[in-house]
Protein backbone atom coordinates (compact mmCIF):
# COMPACT_ATOMS: atom_id res chain seq x y z
CA MET A 1 130.11 73.87 115.13
CA ARG A 2 130.29 77.24 113.38
CA VAL A 3 128.28 77.13 110.16
CA THR A 4 128.97 79.50 107.27
CA SER A 5 127.38 79.92 103.88
CA ASP A 6 127.77 82.05 100.78
CA PHE A 7 124.64 83.93 101.83
CA GLY A 8 125.92 85.47 105.07
CA PRO A 9 124.64 84.95 108.61
CA SER A 10 121.04 86.05 108.01
CA VAL A 11 120.11 82.98 106.00
CA LEU A 12 121.28 80.52 108.63
CA GLU A 13 119.96 82.47 111.60
CA SER A 14 118.06 80.20 113.99
CA CYS A 15 118.73 77.10 111.88
CA THR A 16 119.31 73.74 113.53
CA VAL A 17 122.60 72.11 112.54
CA PHE A 18 122.87 68.33 112.12
CA HIS A 19 125.76 66.13 111.03
CA TYR A 20 125.56 63.42 108.41
CA ASN A 21 128.65 61.67 107.05
CA GLY A 22 130.79 64.65 107.97
CA ALA A 23 128.54 67.21 106.34
CA GLY A 24 126.80 70.02 108.19
CA VAL A 25 123.13 70.32 107.32
CA ALA A 26 121.13 73.40 108.30
CA ILE A 27 117.38 72.87 108.27
CA GLY A 28 114.45 75.14 109.07
CA GLY A 29 114.71 78.14 111.33
CA GLY A 30 113.66 81.69 110.61
CA SER A 31 114.80 81.59 106.99
CA PHE A 32 112.76 78.52 105.93
CA ILE A 33 115.47 77.87 103.34
CA ASN A 34 117.04 74.44 103.08
CA VAL A 35 120.82 74.91 103.00
CA PHE A 36 123.10 71.89 102.67
CA LEU A 37 126.76 72.41 103.46
CA THR A 38 129.90 70.37 103.27
CA LYS A 39 133.32 71.62 104.36
CA GLY A 40 131.84 75.13 104.65
CA LYS A 41 130.67 75.22 101.02
CA THR A 42 127.15 75.32 99.69
CA MET A 43 126.07 72.18 97.84
CA ALA A 44 122.38 72.79 97.24
CA ASN A 45 120.00 75.50 98.38
CA THR A 46 116.25 75.42 97.92
CA VAL A 47 113.11 77.19 99.03
CA ASN A 48 109.75 75.42 98.92
CA VAL A 49 107.10 77.64 97.35
CA ALA A 50 103.38 77.44 98.11
CA LEU A 51 101.03 79.03 95.58
CA ILE A 52 97.76 80.26 97.09
CA GLY A 53 95.25 80.43 94.22
CA GLN A 54 94.99 79.44 90.57
CA GLY A 55 93.42 81.15 87.54
CA PHE A 56 95.16 83.54 85.14
CA MET A 57 97.76 84.70 87.67
CA GLY A 58 98.20 81.17 88.97
CA ARG A 59 99.28 80.08 85.51
CA SER A 60 101.60 83.10 85.15
CA HIS A 61 103.29 82.46 88.49
CA SER A 62 103.48 78.69 87.98
CA ASN A 63 105.26 79.20 84.68
CA ALA A 64 107.69 81.62 86.35
CA TRP A 65 108.58 79.29 89.23
CA GLY A 66 108.96 76.44 86.75
CA GLN A 67 111.28 78.39 84.45
CA VAL A 68 113.41 80.49 86.80
CA ASN A 69 115.90 77.73 87.63
CA ARG A 70 116.33 77.03 83.90
CA PHE A 71 116.89 80.53 82.53
CA PHE A 72 118.77 81.87 85.56
CA THR A 73 121.21 80.44 88.08
CA PRO A 74 119.74 81.74 91.32
CA PRO A 75 121.67 81.26 94.57
CA ILE A 76 118.55 79.57 95.94
CA GLN A 77 116.59 77.14 93.77
CA ALA A 78 112.79 77.41 93.77
CA VAL A 79 110.89 74.18 94.46
CA MET A 80 107.25 74.10 93.34
CA HIS A 81 106.02 72.40 96.48
CA THR A 82 102.23 72.89 96.81
CA VAL A 83 99.38 74.72 95.08
CA TYR A 84 96.20 75.67 96.93
CA GLY A 85 92.74 75.84 95.38
CA THR A 86 89.21 75.20 96.51
CA ALA A 87 87.86 71.69 95.98
CA GLY A 88 85.76 73.01 93.09
CA GLU A 89 88.87 74.39 91.40
CA ASP A 90 90.55 70.94 91.43
CA PRO A 91 94.01 71.98 92.62
CA LYS A 92 95.32 68.45 91.98
CA ALA A 93 94.64 68.73 88.25
CA PHE A 94 96.09 72.27 88.17
CA GLY A 95 99.18 71.10 90.03
CA GLU A 96 99.77 68.16 87.74
CA LYS A 97 99.48 70.37 84.66
CA TRP A 98 101.77 73.12 85.93
CA GLY A 99 104.37 71.09 87.81
CA TRP A 100 103.43 71.44 91.49
CA LYS A 101 104.46 68.46 93.59
CA ASN A 102 101.45 68.62 95.90
CA ALA A 103 97.93 70.09 96.02
CA SER A 104 95.85 71.35 98.94
CA SER A 105 92.40 72.76 99.69
CA ASP A 106 93.43 74.02 103.13
CA TRP A 107 95.42 77.22 102.79
CA GLU A 108 95.70 77.83 106.54
CA SER A 109 97.51 74.54 107.18
CA LEU A 110 99.61 75.02 104.06
CA VAL A 111 100.84 78.48 105.07
CA LYS A 112 101.76 77.22 108.56
CA SER A 113 103.51 74.09 107.29
CA PRO A 114 107.21 73.97 108.29
CA GLU A 115 107.94 72.60 104.81
CA ILE A 116 106.94 75.89 103.13
CA GLY A 117 109.52 78.66 102.81
CA LEU A 118 107.78 81.19 100.55
CA VAL A 119 104.06 81.92 100.27
CA ASP A 120 102.90 83.31 96.90
CA ILE A 121 99.32 84.69 96.76
CA VAL A 122 97.31 84.98 93.52
CA THR A 123 93.72 84.82 94.83
CA PRO A 124 91.10 87.51 94.11
CA ASN A 125 91.95 90.78 95.89
CA PHE A 126 89.66 90.33 98.89
CA MET A 127 91.48 87.09 99.75
CA HIS A 128 95.00 88.52 99.74
CA ALA A 129 95.17 89.70 103.35
CA PRO A 130 94.29 86.50 105.32
CA PRO A 131 97.04 84.24 103.89
CA ALA A 132 99.52 87.14 103.77
CA GLN A 133 98.96 87.95 107.43
CA ALA A 134 99.20 84.25 108.29
CA ALA A 135 102.51 83.97 106.45
CA ILE A 136 103.88 87.03 108.25
CA ALA A 137 102.72 85.63 111.60
CA ALA A 138 104.55 82.39 110.77
CA GLY A 139 107.71 84.35 109.99
CA LYS A 140 107.71 83.44 106.31
CA PRO A 141 108.53 85.59 103.26
CA CYS A 142 105.41 86.41 101.29
CA ALA A 143 104.78 87.42 97.67
CA CYS A 144 101.40 88.80 96.63
CA GLU A 145 99.61 89.94 93.51
CA LYS A 146 98.57 93.59 93.17
CA PRO A 147 96.77 95.44 94.56
CA ILE A 148 97.73 93.82 97.86
CA SER A 149 94.21 94.24 99.24
CA ALA A 150 90.71 95.30 98.27
CA THR A 151 90.85 98.11 100.87
CA LEU A 152 93.43 100.71 101.87
CA ALA A 153 93.00 99.89 105.56
CA GLU A 154 93.90 96.23 104.97
CA ALA A 155 96.86 97.22 102.79
CA ARG A 156 98.16 99.46 105.59
CA GLU A 157 97.76 96.65 108.14
CA MET A 158 99.65 94.24 105.88
CA ALA A 159 102.51 96.72 105.38
CA GLU A 160 102.69 97.45 109.12
CA ALA A 161 102.66 93.77 110.03
CA ALA A 162 105.51 92.99 107.61
CA LYS A 163 107.57 95.91 108.92
CA LYS A 164 107.03 94.91 112.54
CA ALA A 165 107.93 91.28 111.86
CA LYS A 166 110.90 92.25 109.63
CA ILE A 167 109.68 89.83 106.99
CA ASP A 168 110.62 90.04 103.31
CA THR A 169 107.55 90.77 101.19
CA PHE A 170 107.18 91.11 97.43
CA VAL A 171 104.41 92.45 95.19
CA TRP A 172 104.05 91.30 91.59
CA PHE A 173 104.22 94.60 89.76
CA ASN A 174 105.74 92.51 87.00
CA TYR A 175 106.09 95.29 84.42
CA ARG A 176 109.12 96.60 86.32
CA ARG A 177 110.85 93.50 84.98
CA ALA A 178 110.26 94.32 81.31
CA PRO A 179 113.85 95.00 80.20
CA ALA A 180 112.83 98.31 78.58
CA VAL A 181 111.21 99.52 81.81
CA ALA A 182 114.12 98.41 83.98
CA PHE A 183 116.50 100.11 81.55
CA ALA A 184 114.43 103.32 81.67
CA HIS A 185 114.74 103.25 85.47
CA GLN A 186 118.51 103.04 85.09
CA LEU A 187 118.66 105.84 82.51
CA VAL A 188 116.67 108.21 84.73
CA LYS A 189 118.95 107.43 87.70
CA GLN A 190 121.94 108.25 85.47
CA GLY A 191 120.42 111.66 84.67
CA ALA A 192 119.84 110.91 80.98
CA ILE A 193 116.66 113.00 80.73
CA GLY A 194 117.48 115.64 83.35
CA GLU A 195 114.88 117.08 85.69
CA ILE A 196 111.47 115.51 85.08
CA ARG A 197 108.65 117.94 84.28
CA HIS A 198 105.84 115.82 82.82
CA VAL A 199 104.54 112.26 83.21
CA ARG A 200 101.55 110.90 81.30
CA ALA A 201 100.52 107.29 81.69
CA THR A 202 97.69 105.21 80.26
CA TYR A 203 96.61 101.60 80.55
CA LEU A 204 93.88 100.88 78.02
CA GLN A 205 92.09 97.61 77.28
CA ASP A 206 88.88 96.78 75.41
CA TRP A 207 87.85 93.31 76.61
CA ALA A 208 85.06 94.28 79.01
CA ASP A 209 82.22 95.07 76.63
CA GLU A 210 78.58 94.08 77.13
CA SER A 211 79.22 90.49 76.00
CA VAL A 212 81.31 89.73 79.09
CA PRO A 213 79.28 88.20 81.94
CA PHE A 214 79.32 89.12 85.61
CA ALA A 215 82.43 87.96 87.53
CA TRP A 216 84.34 88.77 90.72
CA ARG A 217 86.23 91.58 88.99
CA PHE A 218 82.97 93.55 88.73
CA LYS A 219 82.10 93.37 92.44
CA LYS A 220 83.57 96.03 94.75
CA GLU A 221 83.61 93.94 97.92
CA LEU A 222 85.74 91.32 96.16
CA THR A 223 88.10 93.50 94.14
CA GLY A 224 88.05 97.00 95.67
CA SER A 225 87.80 98.80 92.33
CA GLY A 226 87.66 98.04 88.62
CA ALA A 227 90.01 99.27 85.90
CA HIS A 228 91.45 101.62 88.52
CA GLY A 229 92.92 99.03 90.88
CA ASP A 230 93.62 96.56 88.10
CA LEU A 231 95.30 98.88 85.59
CA ASN A 232 96.06 102.26 87.16
CA ALA A 233 97.88 100.36 89.92
CA HIS A 234 100.41 99.14 87.36
CA ILE A 235 101.11 102.51 85.75
CA ILE A 236 101.29 104.30 89.10
CA ASP A 237 103.88 101.76 90.24
CA MET A 238 105.80 101.89 86.97
CA THR A 239 106.05 105.67 86.91
CA ARG A 240 107.03 105.80 90.58
CA PHE A 241 109.68 103.18 89.83
CA VAL A 242 111.08 104.82 86.68
CA THR A 243 111.00 108.45 87.86
CA GLY A 244 111.65 108.07 91.58
CA LEU A 245 108.91 110.68 92.15
CA GLU A 246 106.08 110.45 94.67
CA VAL A 247 102.61 111.94 94.26
CA ASP A 248 101.90 114.96 96.46
CA THR A 249 98.40 115.96 95.31
CA VAL A 250 95.61 114.41 93.21
CA CYS A 251 93.01 116.47 91.34
CA GLY A 252 90.62 116.37 88.38
CA ALA A 253 89.60 112.75 88.85
CA VAL A 254 86.74 111.17 86.90
CA ALA A 255 85.40 107.65 87.55
CA GLU A 256 82.67 106.11 85.39
CA THR A 257 80.88 102.78 85.05
CA PHE A 258 79.40 102.46 81.56
CA ILE A 259 77.91 98.98 81.92
CA LYS A 260 75.83 98.94 85.09
CA LYS A 261 74.61 95.33 84.89
CA ARG A 262 76.06 92.10 83.49
CA LYS A 263 74.62 88.68 82.82
CA ILE A 264 75.15 86.11 85.59
CA VAL A 265 76.41 82.75 84.32
CA GLU A 266 76.86 79.48 86.22
CA GLN A 267 80.61 79.84 86.63
CA ASP A 268 83.62 81.57 85.20
CA SER A 269 85.71 79.35 82.95
CA GLY A 270 88.99 80.83 84.15
CA GLY A 271 90.25 80.98 80.60
CA GLY A 272 91.25 84.61 80.42
CA ILE A 273 91.30 87.86 82.40
CA VAL A 274 87.70 87.17 83.44
CA THR A 275 86.38 84.66 80.96
CA ASP A 276 87.17 83.00 77.67
CA GLU A 277 85.36 83.52 74.38
CA LYS A 278 82.91 80.64 74.83
CA MET A 279 81.48 82.40 77.92
CA ARG A 280 80.56 85.56 76.02
CA TYR A 281 76.95 86.02 75.02
CA ASP A 282 74.81 87.87 72.49
CA LYS A 283 74.34 91.47 73.65
CA GLY A 284 70.76 91.35 72.45
CA SER A 285 69.85 88.48 74.79
CA ALA A 286 70.88 90.26 78.00
CA GLY A 287 67.39 91.45 78.84
CA ALA A 288 66.04 87.93 79.49
CA ALA A 289 68.95 86.82 81.69
CA LYS A 290 69.49 87.19 85.41
CA MET A 291 71.68 90.26 85.82
CA GLY A 292 74.28 91.28 88.40
CA ASP A 293 74.96 94.86 89.49
CA VAL A 294 78.41 96.15 88.56
CA THR A 295 79.78 98.07 91.54
CA VAL A 296 83.22 99.04 90.25
CA ASP A 297 84.52 101.53 87.69
CA ASP A 298 85.05 100.86 84.00
CA THR A 299 87.42 103.82 83.72
CA VAL A 300 89.23 106.30 85.98
CA LEU A 301 91.24 109.35 84.88
CA PHE A 302 93.07 111.78 87.19
CA LEU A 303 95.81 114.42 87.39
CA VAL A 304 98.65 114.64 89.91
CA LYS A 305 101.34 116.97 91.17
CA TYR A 306 104.51 115.26 92.36
CA ASN A 307 106.70 116.09 95.32
CA SER A 308 109.27 117.62 92.94
CA GLY A 309 106.79 120.02 91.34
CA ALA A 310 106.41 117.90 88.20
CA VAL A 311 102.90 117.12 86.95
CA GLY A 312 101.29 113.96 85.61
CA SER A 313 98.15 112.33 84.28
CA TYR A 314 96.79 108.78 84.52
CA GLU A 315 94.03 106.95 82.66
CA ALA A 316 92.81 103.36 82.96
CA ALA A 317 90.01 101.87 80.87
CA ARG A 318 88.58 98.44 80.05
CA GLN A 319 86.46 99.54 77.10
CA ALA A 320 88.90 101.67 75.10
CA THR A 321 88.05 100.05 71.77
CA GLY A 322 91.09 99.24 69.68
CA ASN A 323 93.46 98.91 72.65
CA GLN A 324 94.02 95.35 73.80
CA ASN A 325 96.80 95.99 76.31
CA ALA A 326 98.09 99.51 75.69
CA ASN A 327 100.04 99.86 78.91
CA GLY A 328 102.45 102.75 78.62
CA TRP A 329 103.83 106.11 79.61
CA GLU A 330 105.81 109.10 78.39
CA ILE A 331 108.21 110.99 80.67
CA ASN A 332 109.57 114.40 79.64
CA GLY A 333 112.64 115.95 81.26
CA THR A 334 114.88 118.97 80.72
CA LYS A 335 117.49 116.94 78.81
CA GLY A 336 115.34 114.34 77.08
CA ALA A 337 112.33 112.06 77.20
CA LEU A 338 111.39 108.39 77.39
CA LYS A 339 108.35 106.56 76.04
CA PHE A 340 107.14 102.97 76.55
CA ASN A 341 104.18 100.88 75.38
CA PHE A 342 103.87 97.28 76.53
CA GLU A 343 102.28 96.22 73.23
CA SER A 344 105.83 96.77 71.90
CA MET A 345 107.46 95.68 75.14
CA ASN A 346 110.92 94.97 73.75
CA THR A 347 111.52 98.57 72.72
CA LEU A 348 112.04 101.88 74.50
CA GLU A 349 111.72 105.28 72.82
CA TYR A 350 114.42 107.81 73.80
CA TYR A 351 114.71 111.49 72.87
CA ASP A 352 118.08 113.13 73.53
CA ALA A 353 117.57 116.89 73.73
CA THR A 354 121.29 117.52 74.33
CA ARG A 355 122.11 116.74 70.69
CA PRO A 356 122.24 119.53 68.08
CA ARG A 357 118.69 120.60 67.22
CA GLY A 358 119.04 119.58 63.60
CA VAL A 359 119.55 115.91 64.48
CA GLN A 360 117.25 115.60 67.48
CA GLY A 361 114.53 112.95 67.18
CA TRP A 362 113.04 109.90 68.82
CA THR A 363 115.31 106.85 68.84
CA THR A 364 113.86 103.35 69.11
CA ILE A 365 116.05 101.18 71.33
CA MET A 366 115.66 97.42 70.95
CA CYS A 367 116.20 96.39 74.59
CA THR A 368 117.43 92.87 73.89
CA HIS A 369 121.21 93.23 74.20
CA GLY A 370 122.46 91.27 77.17
CA GLY A 371 125.48 93.49 77.66
CA ASP A 372 123.37 96.58 78.27
CA HIS A 373 119.77 95.67 79.04
CA PRO A 374 118.61 94.00 82.27
CA TYR A 375 117.64 90.31 82.31
CA VAL A 376 117.83 89.56 78.57
CA ALA A 377 121.27 87.91 78.69
CA ASN A 378 119.50 85.01 80.41
CA TYR A 379 117.03 84.49 77.57
CA TRP A 380 117.72 84.74 73.83
CA PRO A 381 120.18 86.45 71.45
CA ASP A 382 119.73 90.08 70.31
CA ALA A 383 116.28 90.88 68.85
CA HIS A 384 114.97 87.39 69.62
CA ILE A 385 112.21 89.08 71.54
CA ILE A 386 110.77 88.04 74.87
CA GLY A 387 107.17 88.23 76.10
CA TYR A 388 104.80 88.87 78.99
CA GLU A 389 105.69 85.68 80.83
CA HIS A 390 109.39 86.56 81.03
CA CYS A 391 108.62 89.52 83.32
CA PHE A 392 107.32 87.04 85.90
CA THR A 393 110.31 84.73 85.50
CA SER A 394 112.70 87.66 85.96
CA MET A 395 110.84 88.74 89.08
CA ALA A 396 111.00 85.21 90.49
CA TYR A 397 114.77 85.41 90.00
CA ASP A 398 115.02 88.72 91.85
CA ILE A 399 112.92 87.31 94.70
CA LEU A 400 115.35 84.42 95.02
CA LEU A 401 118.28 86.86 95.04
CA LYS A 402 116.65 88.82 97.83
CA LEU A 403 115.96 85.68 99.87
CA ALA A 404 119.66 84.85 99.53
CA GLY A 405 120.61 88.24 100.94
CA LYS A 406 121.72 89.61 97.58
CA GLU A 407 120.61 92.74 95.70
CA PRO A 408 117.93 92.30 93.01
CA THR A 409 118.65 93.45 89.47
CA VAL A 410 116.43 96.49 90.01
CA PRO A 411 114.41 97.35 93.15
CA LEU A 412 111.62 94.98 94.15
CA PRO A 413 108.29 96.38 95.39
CA ASP A 414 107.34 95.22 98.88
CA PHE A 415 104.12 95.64 100.91
CA HIS A 416 105.12 99.14 101.99
CA ASP A 417 105.79 100.13 98.39
CA ALA A 418 102.46 98.67 97.25
CA TYR A 419 100.69 100.50 100.08
CA GLN A 420 102.06 103.80 98.72
CA THR A 421 100.63 102.97 95.30
CA GLN A 422 97.31 102.04 96.89
CA ARG A 423 97.21 105.39 98.68
CA VAL A 424 97.33 107.11 95.28
CA LEU A 425 94.52 104.86 94.04
CA GLU A 426 92.44 105.79 97.10
CA ALA A 427 93.17 109.50 96.66
CA ALA A 428 91.94 109.39 93.06
CA LEU A 429 88.66 107.73 94.06
CA LEU A 430 88.18 110.28 96.86
CA CYS A 431 88.84 113.07 94.38
CA ALA A 432 86.30 111.66 91.90
CA THR A 433 83.67 111.29 94.63
CA GLU A 434 84.23 114.53 96.53
CA LYS A 435 85.26 116.63 93.51
CA ARG A 436 88.15 118.36 95.28
CA TRP A 437 91.94 118.35 95.46
CA ILE A 438 93.29 115.55 97.67
CA LYS A 439 96.60 115.93 99.51
CA MET A 440 98.42 112.63 99.92
CA ASP A 441 99.25 113.57 103.51
CA ASP A 442 95.52 113.19 104.24
CA VAL A 443 95.29 109.67 102.81
CA LYS A 444 96.52 107.09 105.31
């Protein structure tokens, strides 16, 4: 029997075909997508998702997988099959709250299970590589939080393994899916701001003051770096995505840790980025507590020269008082400029330098019109603004498009893409340590 589907031959490659009441049913195979066919037409198409990890990102991803089939009509429907967590994390309770059908404390068996079609990893950074490599070895598509590893060497190995196995991989640089950012990417491709000369990007937060106790995010062997890998990773990816430019050289880097020790508490509550308010403590009582050494940066700043000759600057900080999530950039070209700040995520600032000088000025674009702005037609009417969580839902949709052999709304970052971002992160840390210019060709 010759089996066809709307998705083309790649989806059904290596599938086993059965017959039931005259219908052809393709199950398993290299795609790990359940495709049910009758008379050559698709009836229902699903992919079973396994979430590896819980916490802040676990909630974000769970919400996305739970909402994507409602807000969008993807060619493949996501099924929230199983969530993994350690026994102490109580994955069963997490799964029941967030809509996962099953729970597991054995990630190795879960990743290998023939029932799982997509592995989604949200563990702390040092735990990204083992399940990702296991998924690749099992021939399964894999999505992973950023940065993809705590070390550049591991990130390179992950990218190489995915390329060799020809496996689809995805990295949750979710800010690409903010409609304003996706629209900026499209405007630059259309030539709206001309040749790019300057890029300046900052990601500033203020949550990590002395009242925050010690946690995995403050330990280098678990996370790789501090504000740098957590925040600079996002703005490096966003500016690469919007501009299409790649960094050639890094210079002028400064890395600093202001708070060298933090109070050790029994356990992290998992309520926020590191902890919730009830876990904070009186700064004056720190001296009597058992303290942990902070081995990552609180802030990193650096300058770059791009492959086009343009120049840029980056700054990430966790103690920039007054900035809760000031994640943004400004890009200046020969014909115009663009400016974005995630704290006003529904808007994009645009300067059109081709207009007569007397009427030139910054224009605020409300990026909520479904006819012009990516993704928003699937949510609410004009100016009924969306939020942080919608970026994840939109990315889940694009992942499902890709798994179906279709083009995503805007490009998706994969392990190779994330490895390029991690090379820039590494170059900046080398520059800060060695106090010299770093050529990207020397950072592998």
